[in-house]
Amino acid sequence: MTMKTSTARQLTLALAALAALAATPLAQARDKVSLLPLEEAVRLGIQEGKLDGSVKFYLSGAPTPPGQGAALGEEHVNRRTSNGGKEPVFACHWAALSGLIALQGSAKARGANAVVDLHSFFKEKTFKDPVNFECYTGNMMTGVTLKGTYVRTAP
């Protein structure tokens, strides 16, 4: 390696490190919190053919169906989507839908037909509401974390 090549390489590495440091405040920007109705994400999932309706979702505090059996396990899902080209509300619904798809698949695998006590669980902080979920939108990503309990309800 010649002296010119070595110097050029060091300069390139220094510029890359400087660019990474300059971008750090953007990546660490505080998230904006939105509260949105879960029903809209469920409706989007059914319209898009991503949810089939065989598993019902009940937020904490919402009325649950009678005949609820024993818990079949608990799980949390954390889903994110890029903000690129998406309206913030749509990005929130899309991230929530991604989580609901995962919960639907796990529910079916466990023999459950409902997820109850569903609530937001962002950074291990619980938010319970009978209608809304929490969505966090940053500069580049939107995220939703949902936690719930699988059950089998009477038909």
Protein backbone atom coordinates (compact mmCIF):
# COMPACT_ATOMS: atom_id res chain seq x y z
CA MET A 1 0.00 0.00 0.00
CA THR A 2 1.43 3.37 -0.97
CA MET A 3 1.49 6.42 1.25
CA LYS A 4 -1.20 8.12 -0.89
CA THR A 5 -3.50 5.08 -0.68
CA SER A 6 -3.02 4.82 3.08
CA THR A 7 -3.77 8.52 3.61
CA ALA A 8 -6.83 8.37 1.36
CA ARG A 9 -8.10 5.32 3.23
CA GLN A 10 -7.62 7.03 6.61
CA LEU A 11 -9.39 10.14 5.34
CA THR A 12 -12.30 8.03 4.07
CA LEU A 13 -12.61 6.25 7.42
CA ALA A 14 -12.45 9.55 9.31
CA LEU A 15 -15.19 11.06 7.13
CA ALA A 16 -17.37 7.97 7.59
CA ALA A 17 -16.95 8.17 11.37
CA LEU A 18 -17.76 11.88 11.33
CA ALA A 19 -20.90 11.25 9.25
CA ALA A 20 -22.01 8.54 11.69
CA LEU A 21 -21.53 10.88 14.64
CA ALA A 22 -23.42 13.66 12.89
CA ALA A 23 -26.38 11.34 12.25
CA THR A 24 -26.53 10.07 15.85
CA PRO A 25 -28.82 12.83 17.19
CA LEU A 26 -31.34 12.04 14.44
CA ALA A 27 -31.36 8.36 15.30
CA GLN A 28 -31.76 9.12 18.99
CA ALA A 29 -34.55 11.65 18.58
CA ARG A 30 -37.41 11.28 21.02
CA ASP A 31 -40.37 9.24 19.79
CA LYS A 32 -43.74 10.88 19.21
CA VAL A 33 -46.52 8.90 20.89
CA SER A 34 -49.89 8.43 19.17
CA LEU A 35 -52.99 6.71 20.53
CA LEU A 36 -55.02 5.02 17.81
CA PRO A 37 -58.01 2.66 17.76
CA LEU A 38 -56.94 -0.97 17.35
CA GLU A 39 -60.13 -1.68 15.41
CA GLU A 40 -58.75 0.35 12.47
CA ALA A 41 -55.66 -1.89 12.26
CA VAL A 42 -57.89 -4.99 12.45
CA ARG A 43 -60.12 -3.61 9.69
CA LEU A 44 -57.06 -2.89 7.53
CA GLY A 45 -55.84 -6.45 8.10
CA ILE A 46 -59.13 -7.98 7.04
CA GLN A 47 -59.38 -5.71 3.97
CA GLU A 48 -55.81 -6.60 2.94
CA GLY A 49 -56.42 -10.32 3.52
CA LYS A 50 -53.72 -10.43 6.22
CA LEU A 51 -56.15 -11.32 9.04
CA ASP A 52 -58.82 -13.96 8.49
CA GLY A 53 -61.12 -13.11 11.41
CA SER A 54 -60.69 -16.51 13.10
CA VAL A 55 -58.83 -14.90 16.02
CA LYS A 56 -60.49 -12.01 17.86
CA PHE A 57 -58.51 -9.29 19.64
CA TYR A 58 -59.71 -7.72 22.90
CA LEU A 59 -57.85 -4.77 24.38
CA SER A 60 -57.48 -4.57 28.17
CA GLY A 61 -60.69 -3.27 29.68
CA ALA A 62 -62.82 -4.11 26.64
CA PRO A 63 -65.68 -6.58 27.11
CA THR A 64 -64.58 -10.15 26.38
CA PRO A 65 -66.81 -12.98 25.20
CA PRO A 66 -68.44 -15.31 27.73
CA GLY A 67 -67.15 -18.84 28.07
CA GLN A 68 -63.51 -17.85 28.10
CA GLY A 69 -61.33 -20.86 28.88
CA ALA A 70 -58.00 -21.06 30.63
CA ALA A 71 -55.07 -18.99 29.43
CA LEU A 72 -53.00 -20.73 26.76
CA GLY A 73 -49.96 -18.53 27.18
CA GLU A 74 -48.89 -14.93 26.96
CA GLU A 75 -46.73 -13.21 24.39
CA HIS A 76 -45.52 -9.82 23.31
CA VAL A 77 -44.67 -8.75 19.79
CA ASN A 78 -42.61 -5.75 18.75
CA ARG A 79 -43.05 -4.61 15.18
CA ARG A 80 -41.57 -1.68 13.29
CA THR A 81 -41.95 -0.19 9.87
CA SER A 82 -40.00 2.40 7.94
CA ASN A 83 -41.58 5.83 7.77
CA GLY A 84 -40.46 6.30 4.17
CA GLY A 85 -43.42 7.30 2.02
CA LYS A 86 -46.02 6.52 4.69
CA GLU A 87 -48.34 8.87 6.52
CA PRO A 88 -47.73 8.57 10.30
CA VAL A 89 -51.19 7.14 11.07
CA PHE A 90 -50.90 4.58 8.26
CA ALA A 91 -47.41 3.59 9.47
CA CYS A 92 -48.83 3.07 12.98
CA HIS A 93 -51.66 0.90 11.68
CA TRP A 94 -49.24 -1.05 9.49
CA ALA A 95 -46.89 -1.76 12.43
CA ALA A 96 -49.85 -2.77 14.62
CA LEU A 97 -51.19 -5.01 11.85
CA SER A 98 -47.82 -6.73 11.59
CA GLY A 99 -48.03 -7.51 15.31
CA LEU A 100 -51.62 -8.74 14.99
CA ILE A 101 -50.61 -11.08 12.16
CA ALA A 102 -47.94 -12.60 14.41
CA LEU A 103 -50.40 -12.92 17.31
CA GLN A 104 -52.98 -14.56 15.01
CA GLY A 105 -50.43 -17.14 13.89
CA SER A 106 -49.33 -17.92 17.44
CA ALA A 107 -52.94 -18.11 18.65
CA LYS A 108 -53.81 -20.68 15.99
CA ALA A 109 -50.71 -22.72 16.82
CA ARG A 110 -51.80 -22.83 20.49
CA GLY A 111 -55.43 -23.68 19.72
CA ALA A 112 -56.65 -20.25 20.81
CA ASN A 113 -59.28 -18.20 19.04
CA ALA A 114 -58.83 -14.95 20.96
CA VAL A 115 -56.17 -12.69 22.41
CA VAL A 116 -57.38 -10.94 25.57
CA ASP A 117 -55.89 -8.32 27.88
CA LEU A 118 -54.12 -6.96 24.80
CA HIS A 119 -52.18 -3.81 25.62
CA SER A 120 -49.23 -1.71 24.55
CA PHE A 121 -45.92 -2.66 26.11
CA PHE A 122 -43.35 -0.22 24.69
CA LYS A 123 -39.94 -0.41 26.40
CA GLU A 124 -41.60 -2.63 29.04
CA LYS A 125 -43.98 0.20 30.02
CA THR A 126 -47.60 -0.95 30.11
CA PHE A 127 -50.39 1.13 28.57
CA LYS A 128 -53.90 -0.31 28.88
CA ASP A 129 -56.95 1.15 27.15
CA PRO A 130 -60.16 -0.55 25.98
CA VAL A 131 -60.02 1.13 22.53
CA ASN A 132 -56.53 2.45 21.71
CA PHE A 133 -52.98 1.20 21.34
CA GLU A 134 -49.78 3.24 21.59
CA CYS A 135 -47.63 3.89 18.56
CA TYR A 136 -44.17 5.45 18.64
CA THR A 137 -42.97 7.38 15.60
CA GLY A 138 -39.34 8.45 15.32
CA ASN A 139 -37.48 10.16 12.50
CA MET A 140 -37.06 6.99 10.45
CA MET A 141 -39.11 4.21 12.07
CA THR A 142 -42.54 3.65 13.58
CA GLY A 143 -42.99 0.98 16.24
CA VAL A 144 -45.74 -0.83 18.10
CA THR A 145 -45.33 -3.37 20.91
CA LEU A 146 -48.37 -5.41 21.93
CA LYS A 147 -48.73 -7.92 24.75
CA GLY A 148 -51.65 -10.25 25.29
CA THR A 149 -52.93 -13.58 26.58
CA TYR A 150 -54.16 -16.40 24.34
CA VAL A 151 -57.48 -18.05 25.24
CA ARG A 152 -60.06 -20.35 23.70
CA THR A 153 -63.60 -18.96 23.88
CA ALA A 154 -66.89 -20.79 23.50
CA PRO A 155 -68.25 -20.77 19.92
